[in-house]
Amino acid sequence: MKAVITGDIVKSTSLSTSKREELYRSFKSISDLIQNKYSPDIVPYPLSNFRGDGWQLVIDRPEKTLEIALFLRTYFRFTFGAENIDTRIAIGMGKINFSPSENVSAGDGPAYTLSGRLLESFTRTCMGLDIDLAGKEKNPVYLGLQNTVILLDLLVTKWSASQCQAVFWALQHKKQAEIAKSWQPTAITQASVSYNLHSAGWDQIDLILENFETTVKDLLRSTGEK
């Protein structure tokens, strides 16, 4: 079992031409960040950008999917905070038949199908994050995974751009002092970082991600899948 996450940018059509160009460049930026953070056995290929504001990513270790989805969403939320931009994310878990390394969006398999159809089921105004799983009818664990994802979506949707940025850096295991220095566009105080992490519920978010990872690993072991 592997994972495909498919997303698109909400409200991208409202951006000015210069901001749309900036958005286009940001896909390469976040792709590089992901591949620097995660080893090739987790994320084997670069993020694929299609139809202007659409994107897709293959994840070979599905237990990392929710963490990577949050990494992506917080990046777009704080980078384009002034424009109130968000990204919808549909997670599909299942078999992948093939994924062309030069264009993962041309891949095929149940994980692709589930992810694509799930994204299409979102309404245009939905700031959604959801999951679909191959063989879910036979596996009661699926409902627990979906509830975890929906809970995270509920929390993240309410975050400010500053809270998103704080979590984005925390996902990279930076200490608060490091986050304060790395803050964009200019450095802030460590106290401000602490406030944003606390108000975002970072400690609880970290537990949610850990629970998701453990559950998916247990699911893979129970089904004998890799």
Protein backbone atom coordinates (compact mmCIF):
# COMPACT_ATOMS: atom_id res chain seq x y z
CA MET A 1 0.00 0.00 0.00
CA LYS A 2 1.19 3.47 -0.91
CA ALA A 3 -0.38 6.91 -0.92
CA VAL A 4 -1.18 9.61 -3.42
CA ILE A 5 -2.17 13.07 -2.29
CA THR A 6 -3.90 15.32 -4.77
CA GLY A 7 -4.67 18.96 -4.15
CA ASP A 8 -5.62 22.26 -5.64
CA ILE A 9 -5.39 25.85 -4.53
CA VAL A 10 -8.59 27.50 -3.33
CA LYS A 11 -9.21 31.06 -4.59
CA SER A 12 -6.24 30.98 -6.97
CA THR A 13 -8.29 32.69 -9.69
CA SER A 14 -8.59 35.78 -7.50
CA LEU A 15 -4.82 36.29 -7.51
CA SER A 16 -3.14 38.98 -9.57
CA THR A 17 -0.91 37.91 -12.45
CA SER A 18 2.23 38.51 -10.40
CA LYS A 19 0.85 36.50 -7.48
CA ARG A 20 -0.14 33.66 -9.80
CA GLU A 21 3.44 33.59 -11.07
CA GLU A 22 4.61 33.50 -7.46
CA LEU A 23 2.21 30.62 -6.79
CA TYR A 24 3.58 28.71 -9.76
CA ARG A 25 7.15 29.13 -8.47
CA SER A 26 6.06 28.06 -4.99
CA PHE A 27 5.26 24.54 -6.23
CA LYS A 28 8.94 24.04 -7.04
CA SER A 29 9.94 25.56 -3.70
CA ILE A 30 7.72 23.31 -1.60
CA SER A 31 8.70 20.27 -3.68
CA ASP A 32 12.37 20.95 -2.94
CA LEU A 33 11.61 21.44 0.76
CA ILE A 34 9.76 18.13 0.92
CA GLN A 35 12.53 16.22 -0.83
CA ASN A 36 15.13 17.78 1.46
CA LYS A 37 13.11 16.88 4.55
CA TYR A 38 12.06 13.36 3.55
CA SER A 39 14.29 10.60 2.19
CA PRO A 40 13.64 9.01 -1.25
CA ASP A 41 12.16 5.91 0.39
CA ILE A 42 9.38 8.17 1.71
CA VAL A 43 8.95 10.67 -1.14
CA PRO A 44 10.56 9.18 -4.27
CA TYR A 45 9.57 11.85 -6.80
CA PRO A 46 9.13 15.63 -6.96
CA LEU A 47 5.70 17.15 -6.53
CA SER A 48 3.84 17.43 -9.83
CA ASN A 49 2.01 20.65 -10.73
CA PHE A 50 -0.83 20.51 -13.26
CA ARG A 51 -3.67 22.70 -14.57
CA GLY A 52 -2.07 25.77 -13.03
CA ASP A 53 -3.24 25.37 -9.43
CA GLY A 54 -3.37 21.58 -9.11
CA TRP A 55 -0.68 19.38 -7.61
CA GLN A 56 0.02 15.75 -6.80
CA LEU A 57 2.56 13.82 -4.74
CA VAL A 58 3.35 10.11 -4.34
CA ILE A 59 4.31 8.84 -0.88
CA ASP A 60 5.84 5.37 -0.62
CA ARG A 61 5.47 5.19 3.17
CA PRO A 62 1.81 6.03 3.76
CA GLU A 63 2.22 6.45 7.52
CA LYS A 64 3.91 9.79 6.74
CA THR A 65 1.05 11.03 4.57
CA LEU A 66 -0.81 13.16 7.11
CA GLU A 67 2.37 14.87 8.30
CA ILE A 68 3.34 15.71 4.71
CA ALA A 69 -0.18 16.93 3.95
CA LEU A 70 0.02 19.28 6.94
CA PHE A 71 3.47 20.43 5.83
CA LEU A 72 2.04 21.36 2.43
CA ARG A 73 -1.06 23.03 3.75
CA THR A 74 0.70 25.18 6.33
CA TYR A 75 3.24 26.25 3.71
CA PHE A 76 0.60 27.58 1.33
CA ARG A 77 -1.47 29.08 4.13
CA PHE A 78 1.35 31.21 5.53
CA THR A 79 3.15 31.96 2.24
CA PHE A 80 -0.03 33.42 0.78
CA GLY A 81 -1.59 34.51 4.07
CA ALA A 82 -2.34 38.04 2.86
CA GLU A 83 -4.28 36.56 -0.06
CA ASN A 84 -6.21 34.13 2.18
CA ILE A 85 -5.09 31.19 0.04
CA ASP A 86 -5.62 27.58 1.11
CA THR A 87 -5.20 24.19 -0.51
CA ARG A 88 -7.62 21.28 -0.51
CA ILE A 89 -5.97 17.90 -0.02
CA ALA A 90 -7.33 14.45 -0.87
CA ILE A 91 -5.40 11.43 0.41
CA GLY A 92 -5.78 8.11 -1.40
CA MET A 93 -4.20 4.94 -0.01
CA GLY A 94 -3.91 1.75 -2.01
CA LYS A 95 -1.88 0.06 -4.71
CA ILE A 96 0.06 2.08 -7.28
CA ASN A 97 0.53 0.35 -10.64
CA PHE A 98 3.10 2.82 -11.95
CA SER A 99 4.34 6.38 -11.37
CA PRO A 100 6.43 8.05 -14.09
CA SER A 101 9.30 9.74 -12.25
CA GLU A 102 9.24 12.72 -14.61
CA ASN A 103 5.49 13.30 -14.12
CA VAL A 104 3.81 11.50 -11.22
CA SER A 105 0.42 12.89 -12.27
CA ALA A 106 0.50 10.43 -15.18
CA GLY A 107 0.55 7.47 -12.80
CA ASP A 108 -2.12 4.82 -12.36
CA GLY A 109 -3.60 2.59 -9.69
CA PRO A 110 -6.24 2.55 -6.95
CA ALA A 111 -4.38 5.12 -4.83
CA TYR A 112 -4.51 7.57 -7.75
CA THR A 113 -8.17 6.85 -8.45
CA LEU A 114 -9.22 7.23 -4.82
CA SER A 115 -7.30 10.48 -4.36
CA GLY A 116 -8.56 12.04 -7.60
CA ARG A 117 -12.20 11.11 -7.04
CA LEU A 118 -12.08 12.32 -3.45
CA LEU A 119 -10.79 15.73 -4.52
CA GLU A 120 -13.52 15.96 -7.16
CA SER A 121 -16.12 15.27 -4.46
CA PHE A 122 -15.09 18.38 -2.51
CA THR A 123 -17.13 21.51 -3.11
CA ARG A 124 -15.29 24.50 -4.55
CA THR A 125 -15.63 26.36 -1.25
CA CYS A 126 -14.42 23.45 0.89
CA MET A 127 -11.05 23.94 2.56
CA GLY A 128 -10.96 20.16 2.77
CA LEU A 129 -8.59 17.52 4.00
CA ASP A 130 -9.89 13.97 3.73
CA ILE A 131 -8.79 10.38 3.13
CA ASP A 132 -10.00 7.33 1.22
CA LEU A 133 -8.60 3.83 1.56
CA ALA A 134 -8.66 0.82 -0.75
CA GLY A 135 -10.56 -2.08 0.83
CA LYS A 136 -12.11 0.17 3.48
CA GLU A 137 -15.34 -1.87 3.49
CA LYS A 138 -13.42 -4.76 5.06
CA ASN A 139 -11.35 -2.72 7.48
CA PRO A 140 -12.88 -0.93 10.49
CA VAL A 141 -9.59 0.94 11.05
CA TYR A 142 -10.49 3.18 8.11
CA LEU A 143 -13.16 5.05 10.07
CA GLY A 144 -10.64 5.88 12.79
CA LEU A 145 -8.17 7.19 10.23
CA GLN A 146 -10.83 9.30 8.55
CA ASN A 147 -11.99 10.76 11.86
CA THR A 148 -8.38 11.68 12.68
CA VAL A 149 -7.99 13.46 9.35
CA ILE A 150 -11.31 15.29 9.68
CA LEU A 151 -10.40 16.44 13.19
CA LEU A 152 -7.08 17.81 11.96
CA ASP A 153 -8.84 19.61 9.11
CA LEU A 154 -11.25 21.22 11.56
CA LEU A 155 -8.34 22.57 13.61
CA VAL A 156 -6.14 23.72 10.73
CA THR A 157 -8.96 25.54 8.93
CA LYS A 158 -9.27 27.87 11.93
CA TRP A 159 -5.56 28.73 12.10
CA SER A 160 -4.17 32.13 11.23
CA ALA A 161 -1.26 32.55 8.82
CA SER A 162 1.06 33.02 11.81
CA GLN A 163 -0.11 29.81 13.46
CA CYS A 164 0.41 27.99 10.16
CA GLN A 165 3.95 29.33 9.89
CA ALA A 166 4.77 28.31 13.46
CA VAL A 167 3.56 24.76 12.82
CA PHE A 168 5.34 24.64 9.45
CA TRP A 169 8.68 25.26 11.18
CA ALA A 170 7.82 22.96 14.10
CA LEU A 171 7.21 20.13 11.63
CA GLN A 172 10.88 20.53 10.68
CA HIS A 173 11.84 19.87 14.31
CA LYS A 174 13.15 23.38 14.85
CA LYS A 175 13.36 24.72 18.38
CA GLN A 176 11.44 27.88 19.23
CA ALA A 177 14.59 30.03 19.13
CA GLU A 178 15.38 28.70 15.64
CA ILE A 179 11.81 29.32 14.48
CA ALA A 180 12.01 32.92 15.74
CA LYS A 181 15.14 33.52 13.64
CA SER A 182 13.73 31.72 10.58
CA TRP A 183 10.41 33.59 10.66
CA GLN A 184 9.31 35.19 7.39
CA PRO A 185 9.48 37.94 6.33
CA THR A 186 11.40 39.07 9.43
CA ALA A 187 12.47 37.47 12.71
CA ILE A 188 10.14 37.59 15.72
CA THR A 189 10.55 36.95 19.43
CA GLN A 190 10.62 33.47 20.90
CA ALA A 191 7.64 34.46 23.04
CA SER A 192 5.62 35.13 19.88
CA VAL A 193 6.58 31.73 18.50
CA SER A 194 5.52 30.08 21.75
CA TYR A 195 2.18 31.89 21.65
CA ASN A 196 1.46 30.80 18.08
CA LEU A 197 2.38 27.18 18.73
CA HIS A 198 0.33 27.03 21.92
CA SER A 199 -2.73 28.69 20.38
CA ALA A 200 -2.53 26.32 17.39
CA GLY A 201 -2.48 23.34 19.77
CA TRP A 202 0.87 22.11 18.49
CA ASP A 203 1.39 19.54 21.26
CA GLN A 204 -2.00 17.99 20.46
CA ILE A 205 -1.33 18.14 16.71
CA ASP A 206 1.94 16.29 17.23
CA LEU A 207 0.02 13.54 19.07
CA ILE A 208 -2.54 13.34 16.24
CA LEU A 209 0.25 12.85 13.70
CA GLU A 210 1.92 10.24 15.89
CA ASN A 211 -1.37 8.36 16.31
CA PHE A 212 -2.02 8.41 12.56
CA GLU A 213 1.47 7.08 11.84
CA THR A 214 1.14 4.28 14.39
CA THR A 215 -2.31 3.29 13.13
CA VAL A 216 -1.22 3.11 9.49
CA LYS A 217 1.86 1.05 10.42
CA ASP A 218 -0.37 -1.36 12.36
CA LEU A 219 -2.74 -1.52 9.40
CA LEU A 220 0.09 -2.38 7.02
CA ARG A 221 1.35 -5.11 9.35
CA SER A 222 -2.12 -6.60 9.83
CA THR A 223 -2.75 -6.80 6.09
CA GLY A 224 0.75 -7.95 5.22
CA GLU A 225 1.13 -5.03 2.83
CA LYS A 226 4.17 -2.87 2.20
